[in-house]
């Protein structure tokens, strides 16, 4: 009787531990996905700045200005 109770309690603890591990993995990949999205947004912003800088260099070169 006591052994069955210990077995049931052990199984319940194991199930909750697995559920916790699964939730932890899901949260980790969710945060990783958000971080990748943030980096992509920052890259798009810096790409715009770089394009503007590059076009200013090209236009100044056409005008004959040396940097």
PDB file of N, CA and C in Angstrom:
ATOM      1  N   UNK A   1       0.826  -1.195   0.000  1.00  0.00           N
ATOM      2  CA  UNK A   1       0.000   0.000   0.000  1.00  0.00           C
ATOM      3  C   UNK A   1       0.868   1.256   0.000  1.00  0.00           C
ATOM      4  N   UNK A   2       1.840   1.289   0.908  1.00  0.00           N
ATOM      5  CA  UNK A   2       2.728   2.445   1.007  1.00  0.00           C
ATOM      6  C   UNK A   2       3.621   2.554  -0.233  1.00  0.00           C
ATOM      7  N   UNK A   3       4.000   1.395  -0.772  1.00  0.00           N
ATOM      8  CA  UNK A   3       4.834   1.413  -1.980  1.00  0.00           C
ATOM      9  C   UNK A   3       4.064   1.964  -3.177  1.00  0.00           C
ATOM     10  N   UNK A   4       2.774   1.620  -3.275  1.00  0.00           N
ATOM     11  CA  UNK A   4       1.950   2.141  -4.369  1.00  0.00           C
ATOM     12  C   UNK A   4       1.775   3.649  -4.221  1.00  0.00           C
ATOM     13  N   UNK A   5       1.605   4.125  -2.998  1.00  0.00           N
ATOM     14  CA  UNK A   5       1.468   5.562  -2.754  1.00  0.00           C
ATOM     15  C   UNK A   5       2.756   6.295  -3.145  1.00  0.00           C
ATOM     16  N   UNK A   6       3.886   5.714  -2.762  1.00  0.00           N
ATOM     17  CA  UNK A   6       5.167   6.318  -3.144  1.00  0.00           C
ATOM     18  C   UNK A   6       5.340   6.327  -4.662  1.00  0.00           C
ATOM     19  N   UNK A   7       4.915   5.260  -5.325  1.00  0.00           N
ATOM     20  CA  UNK A   7       5.011   5.179  -6.779  1.00  0.00           C
ATOM     21  C   UNK A   7       4.142   6.246  -7.440  1.00  0.00           C
ATOM     22  N   UNK A   8       2.922   6.393  -6.948  1.00  0.00           N
ATOM     23  CA  UNK A   8       2.007   7.391  -7.515  1.00  0.00           C
ATOM     24  C   UNK A   8       2.562   8.803  -7.306  1.00  0.00           C
ATOM     25  N   UNK A   9       3.049   9.088  -6.113  1.00  0.00           N
ATOM     26  CA  UNK A   9       3.620  10.412  -5.835  1.00  0.00           C
ATOM     27  C   UNK A   9       4.852  10.648  -6.707  1.00  0.00           C
ATOM     28  N   UNK A  10       5.681   9.640  -6.874  1.00  0.00           N
ATOM     29  CA  UNK A  10       6.861   9.768  -7.742  1.00  0.00           C
ATOM     30  C   UNK A  10       6.484  10.027  -9.187  1.00  0.00           C
ATOM     31  N   UNK A  11       5.453   9.332  -9.668  1.00  0.00           N
ATOM     32  CA  UNK A  11       5.000   9.556 -11.040  1.00  0.00           C
ATOM     33  C   UNK A  11       4.436  10.962 -11.219  1.00  0.00           C
ATOM     34  N   UNK A  12       3.689  11.442 -10.247  1.00  0.00           N
ATOM     35  CA  UNK A  12       3.140  12.801 -10.322  1.00  0.00           C
ATOM     36  C   UNK A  12       4.274  13.827 -10.361  1.00  0.00           C
ATOM     37  N   UNK A  13       5.271  13.645  -9.511  1.00  0.00           N
ATOM     38  CA  UNK A  13       6.411  14.566  -9.500  1.00  0.00           C
ATOM     39  C   UNK A  13       7.152  14.502 -10.841  1.00  0.00           C
ATOM     40  N   UNK A  14       7.329  13.305 -11.385  1.00  0.00           N
ATOM     41  CA  UNK A  14       8.017  13.164 -12.675  1.00  0.00           C
ATOM     42  C   UNK A  14       7.238  13.840 -13.796  1.00  0.00           C
ATOM     43  N   UNK A  15       5.919  13.685 -13.788  1.00  0.00           N
ATOM     44  CA  UNK A  15       5.086  14.309 -14.826  1.00  0.00           C
ATOM     45  C   UNK A  15       5.193  15.828 -14.748  1.00  0.00           C
ATOM     46  N   UNK A  16       5.090  16.389 -13.526  1.00  0.00           N
ATOM     47  CA  UNK A  16       5.198  17.838 -13.385  1.00  0.00           C
ATOM     48  C   UNK A  16       6.599  18.329 -13.756  1.00  0.00           C
ATOM     49  N   UNK A  17       7.612  17.552 -13.476  1.00  0.00           N
ATOM     50  CA  UNK A  17       8.975  17.931 -13.861  1.00  0.00           C
ATOM     51  C   UNK A  17       9.112  17.964 -15.380  1.00  0.00           C
ATOM     52  N   UNK A  18       8.567  16.967 -16.061  1.00  0.00           N
ATOM     53  CA  UNK A  18       8.615  16.961 -17.522  1.00  0.00           C
ATOM     54  C   UNK A  18       7.846  18.136 -18.113  1.00  0.00           C
ATOM     55  N   UNK A  19       6.684  18.423 -17.533  1.00  0.00           N
ATOM     56  CA  UNK A  19       5.903  19.575 -18.001  1.00  0.00           C
ATOM     57  C   UNK A  19       6.712  20.863 -17.821  1.00  0.00           C
ATOM     58  N   UNK A  20       7.387  21.009 -16.694  1.00  0.00           N
ATOM     59  CA  UNK A  20       8.218  22.190 -16.444  1.00  0.00           C
ATOM     60  C   UNK A  20       9.370  22.301 -17.426  1.00  0.00           C
ATOM     61  N   UNK A  21      10.002  21.183 -17.726  1.00  0.00           N
ATOM     62  CA  UNK A  21      11.108  21.186 -18.689  1.00  0.00           C
ATOM     63  C   UNK A  21      10.609  21.573 -20.076  1.00  0.00           C
ATOM     64  N   UNK A  22       9.474  21.029 -20.482  1.00  0.00           N
ATOM     65  CA  UNK A  22       8.911  21.347 -21.793  1.00  0.00           C
ATOM     66  C   UNK A  22       8.556  22.830 -21.870  1.00  0.00           C
ATOM     67  N   UNK A  23       7.930  23.368 -20.830  1.00  0.00           N
ATOM     68  CA  UNK A  23       7.592  24.798 -20.812  1.00  0.00           C
ATOM     69  C   UNK A  23       8.862  25.646 -20.865  1.00  0.00           C
ATOM     70  N   UNK A  24       9.891  25.230 -20.149  1.00  0.00           N
ATOM     71  CA  UNK A  24      11.162  25.958 -20.175  1.00  0.00           C
ATOM     72  C   UNK A  24      11.788  25.987 -21.562  1.00  0.00           C
ATOM     73  N   UNK A  25      11.756  24.868 -22.262  1.00  0.00           N
ATOM     74  CA  UNK A  25      12.308  24.810 -23.620  1.00  0.00           C
ATOM     75  C   UNK A  25      11.512  25.705 -24.559  1.00  0.00           C
ATOM     76  N   UNK A  26      10.178  25.664 -24.433  1.00  0.00           N
ATOM     77  CA  UNK A  26       9.337  26.515 -25.278  1.00  0.00           C
ATOM     78  C   UNK A  26       9.632  27.986 -25.021  1.00  0.00           C
ATOM     79  N   UNK A  27       9.758  28.379 -23.760  1.00  0.00           N
ATOM     80  CA  UNK A  27      10.063  29.779 -23.429  1.00  0.00           C
ATOM     81  C   UNK A  27      11.438  30.186 -23.951  1.00  0.00           C
ATOM     82  N   UNK A  28      12.407  29.296 -23.858  1.00  0.00           N
ATOM     83  CA  UNK A  28      13.749  29.596 -24.358  1.00  0.00           C
ATOM     84  C   UNK A  28      13.719  29.895 -25.853  1.00  0.00           C
ATOM     85  N   UNK A  29      13.062  29.024 -26.630  1.00  0.00           N
ATOM     86  CA  UNK A  29      13.031  29.242 -28.069  1.00  0.00           C
ATOM     87  C   UNK A  29      12.178  30.447 -28.438  1.00  0.00           C
ATOM     88  N   UNK A  30      11.138  30.739 -27.632  1.00  0.00           N
ATOM     89  CA  UNK A  30      10.306  31.913 -27.873  1.00  0.00           C
ATOM     90  C   UNK A  30      11.144  33.185 -27.691  1.00  0.00           C
ATOM     91  N   UNK A  31      11.914  33.242 -26.593  1.00  0.00           N
ATOM     92  CA  UNK A  31      12.769  34.408 -26.348  1.00  0.00           C
ATOM     93  C   UNK A  31      13.854  34.507 -27.416  1.00  0.00           C
ATOM     94  N   UNK A  32      14.397  33.367 -27.846  1.00  0.00           N
ATOM     95  CA  UNK A  32      15.404  33.366 -28.897  1.00  0.00           C
ATOM     96  C   UNK A  32      14.818  33.910 -30.202  1.00  0.00           C
ATOM     97  N   UNK A  33      13.588  33.515 -30.503  1.00  0.00           N
ATOM     98  CA  UNK A  33      12.900  33.995 -31.706  1.00  0.00           C
ATOM     99  C   UNK A  33      12.686  35.508 -31.620  1.00  0.00           C
ATOM    100  N   UNK A  34      12.264  36.016 -30.456  1.00  0.00           N
ATOM    101  CA  UNK A  34      12.082  37.452 -30.276  1.00  0.00           C
ATOM    102  C   UNK A  34      13.396  38.196 -30.442  1.00  0.00           C
ATOM    103  N   UNK A  35      14.474  37.636 -29.918  1.00  0.00           N
ATOM    104  CA  UNK A  35      15.785  38.268 -30.033  1.00  0.00           C
ATOM    105  C   UNK A  35      16.242  38.336 -31.494  1.00  0.00           C
ATOM    106  N   UNK A  36      15.980  37.278 -32.243  1.00  0.00           N
ATOM    107  CA  UNK A  36      16.338  37.270 -33.668  1.00  0.00           C
ATOM    108  C   UNK A  36      15.526  38.318 -34.417  1.00  0.00           C
ATOM    109  N   UNK A  37      14.241  38.446 -34.097  1.00  0.00           N
ATOM    110  CA  UNK A  37      13.395  39.459 -34.739  1.00  0.00           C
ATOM    111  C   UNK A  37      13.915  40.859 -34.431  1.00  0.00           C
ATOM    112  N   UNK A  38      14.325  41.119 -33.172  1.00  0.00           N
ATOM    113  CA  UNK A  38      14.879  42.421 -32.807  1.00  0.00           C
ATOM    114  C   UNK A  38      16.147  42.721 -33.591  1.00  0.00           C
ATOM    115  N   UNK A  39      17.017  41.723 -33.738  1.00  0.00           N
ATOM    116  CA  UNK A  39      18.248  41.922 -34.496  1.00  0.00           C
ATOM    117  C   UNK A  39      17.959  42.204 -35.966  1.00  0.00           C
ATOM    118  N   UNK A  40      16.938  41.542 -36.524  1.00  0.00           N
ATOM    119  CA  UNK A  40      16.579  41.798 -37.915  1.00  0.00           C
ATOM    120  C   UNK A  40      16.073  43.223 -38.084  1.00  0.00           C
ATOM    121  N   UNK A  41      15.275  43.719 -37.115  1.00  0.00           N
ATOM    122  CA  UNK A  41      14.793  45.094 -37.187  1.00  0.00           C
ATOM    123  C   UNK A  41      15.953  46.084 -37.103  1.00  0.00           C
ATOM    124  N   UNK A  42      16.909  45.826 -36.222  1.00  0.00           N
ATOM    125  CA  UNK A  42      18.071  46.711 -36.099  1.00  0.00           C
ATOM    126  C   UNK A  42      18.897  46.693 -37.376  1.00  0.00           C
ATOM    127  N   UNK A  43      19.056  45.521 -37.992  1.00  0.00           N
ATOM    128  CA  UNK A  43      19.809  45.434 -39.243  1.00  0.00           C
ATOM    129  C   UNK A  43      19.132  46.222 -40.349  1.00  0.00           C
ATOM    130  N   UNK A  44      17.788  46.180 -40.410  1.00  0.00           N
ATOM    131  CA  UNK A  44      17.073  46.950 -41.419  1.00  0.00           C
ATOM    132  C   UNK A  44      17.307  48.441 -41.219  1.00  0.00           C
ATOM    133  N   UNK A  45      17.316  48.880 -39.959  1.00  0.00           N
ATOM    134  CA  UNK A  45      17.541  50.292 -39.663  1.00  0.00           C
ATOM    135  C   UNK A  45      18.945  50.708 -40.090  1.00  0.00           C
ATOM    136  N   UNK A  46      19.938  49.895 -39.743  1.00  0.00           N
ATOM    137  CA  UNK A  46      21.306  50.236 -40.105  1.00  0.00           C
ATOM    138  C   UNK A  46      21.543  50.114 -41.601  1.00  0.00           C
ATOM    139  N   UNK A  47      20.821  49.227 -42.266  1.00  0.00           N
ATOM    140  CA  UNK A  47      20.925  49.133 -43.717  1.00  0.00           C
ATOM    141  C   UNK A  47      20.470  50.431 -44.374  1.00  0.00           C
ATOM    142  N   UNK A  48      19.415  51.050 -43.826  1.00  0.00           N
ATOM    143  CA  UNK A  48      18.950  52.328 -44.368  1.00  0.00           C
ATOM    144  C   UNK A  48      20.019  53.397 -44.191  1.00  0.00           C
ATOM    145  N   UNK A  49      20.638  53.441 -42.999  1.00  0.00           N
ATOM    146  CA  UNK A  49      21.698  54.421 -42.774  1.00  0.00           C
ATOM    147  C   UNK A  49      22.881  54.182 -43.713  1.00  0.00           C
ATOM    148  N   UNK A  50      23.249  52.928 -43.884  1.00  0.00           N
ATOM    149  CA  UNK A  50      24.380  52.611 -44.758  1.00  0.00           C
ATOM    150  C   UNK A  50      24.061  52.980 -46.199  1.00  0.00           C
ATOM    151  N   UNK A  51      22.831  52.709 -46.639  1.00  0.00           N
ATOM    152  CA  UNK A  51      22.443  53.074 -48.007  1.00  0.00           C
ATOM    153  C   UNK A  51      22.503  54.586 -48.204  1.00  0.00           C
ATOM    154  N   UNK A  52      22.055  55.343 -47.201  1.00  0.00           N
ATOM    155  CA  UNK A  52      22.117  56.800 -47.300  1.00  0.00           C
ATOM    156  C   UNK A  52      23.568  57.266 -47.346  1.00  0.00           C
ATOM    157  N   UNK A  53      24.423  56.695 -46.532  1.00  0.00           N
ATOM    158  CA  UNK A  53      25.845  57.053 -46.522  1.00  0.00           C
ATOM    159  C   UNK A  53      26.498  56.708 -47.858  1.00  0.00           C
ATOM    160  N   UNK A  54      26.179  55.535 -48.358  1.00  0.00           N
ATOM    161  CA  UNK A  54      26.752  55.094 -49.625  1.00  0.00           C
ATOM    162  C   UNK A  54      26.301  55.998 -50.770  1.00  0.00           C
ATOM    163  N   UNK A  55      25.030  56.371 -50.782  1.00  0.00           N
ATOM    164  CA  UNK A  55      24.539  57.238 -51.847  1.00  0.00           C
ATOM    165  C   UNK A  55      25.144  58.635 -51.744  1.00  0.00           C
ATOM    166  N   UNK A  56      25.413  59.112 -50.512  1.00  0.00           N
ATOM    167  CA  UNK A  56      26.049  60.423 -50.372  1.00  0.00           C
ATOM    168  C   UNK A  56      27.477  60.375 -50.883  1.00  0.00           C
ATOM    169  N   UNK A  57      28.180  59.273 -50.668  1.00  0.00           N
ATOM    170  CA  UNK A  57      29.542  59.136 -51.194  1.00  0.00           C
ATOM    171  C   UNK A  57      29.517  59.112 -52.719  1.00  0.00           C
ATOM    172  N   UNK A  58      28.568  58.386 -53.292  1.00  0.00           N
ATOM    173  CA  UNK A  58      28.470  58.299 -54.747  1.00  0.00           C
ATOM    174  C   UNK A  58      28.145  59.666 -55.344  1.00  0.00           C
ATOM    175  N   UNK A  59      27.193  60.379 -54.726  1.00  0.00           N
ATOM    176  CA  UNK A  59      26.831  61.691 -55.269  1.00  0.00           C
ATOM    177  C   UNK A  59      27.964  62.691 -55.108  1.00  0.00           C
ATOM    178  N   UNK A  60      28.705  62.645 -53.980  1.00  0.00           N
ATOM    179  CA  UNK A  60      29.828  63.559 -53.821  1.00  0.00           C
ATOM    180  C   UNK A  60      30.954  63.212 -54.792  1.00  0.00           C
ATOM    181  N   UNK A  61      31.098  61.951 -55.109  1.00  0.00           N
ATOM    182  CA  UNK A  61      32.117  61.539 -56.080  1.00  0.00           C
ATOM    183  C   UNK A  61      31.755  62.060 -57.469  1.00  0.00           C
ATOM    184  N   UNK A  62      30.451  62.039 -57.792  1.00  0.00           N
ATOM    185  CA  UNK A  62      30.006  62.553 -59.091  1.00  0.00           C
ATOM    186  C   UNK A  62      30.254  64.054 -59.188  1.00  0.00           C
ATOM    187  N   UNK A  63      30.131  64.756 -58.034  1.00  0.00           N
ATOM    188  CA  UNK A  63      30.352  66.194 -58.029  1.00  0.00           C
ATOM    189  C   UNK A  63      31.836  66.546 -58.011  1.00  0.00           C
ATOM    190  N   UNK A  64      32.679  65.579 -57.785  1.00  0.00           N
ATOM    191  CA  UNK A  64      34.109  65.807 -57.796  1.00  0.00           C
ATOM    192  C   UNK A  64      34.685  66.130 -56.434  1.00  0.00           C
ATOM    193  N   UNK A  65      33.933  65.891 -55.375  1.00  0.00           N
ATOM    194  CA  UNK A  65      34.421  66.156 -54.027  1.00  0.00           C
ATOM    195  C   UNK A  65      35.214  64.946 -53.565  1.00  0.00           C
ATOM    196  N   UNK A  66      36.410  65.182 -53.075  1.00  0.00           N
ATOM    197  CA  UNK A  66      37.246  64.077 -52.602  1.00  0.00           C
ATOM    198  C   UNK A  66      37.167  64.013 -51.087  1.00  0.00           C
ATOM    199  N   UNK A  67      37.045  62.779 -50.580  1.00  0.00           N
ATOM    200  CA  UNK A  67      36.990  62.603 -49.120  1.00  0.00           C
ATOM    201  C   UNK A  67      38.247  61.957 -48.636  1.00  0.00           C
TER     202      UNK A  67
END
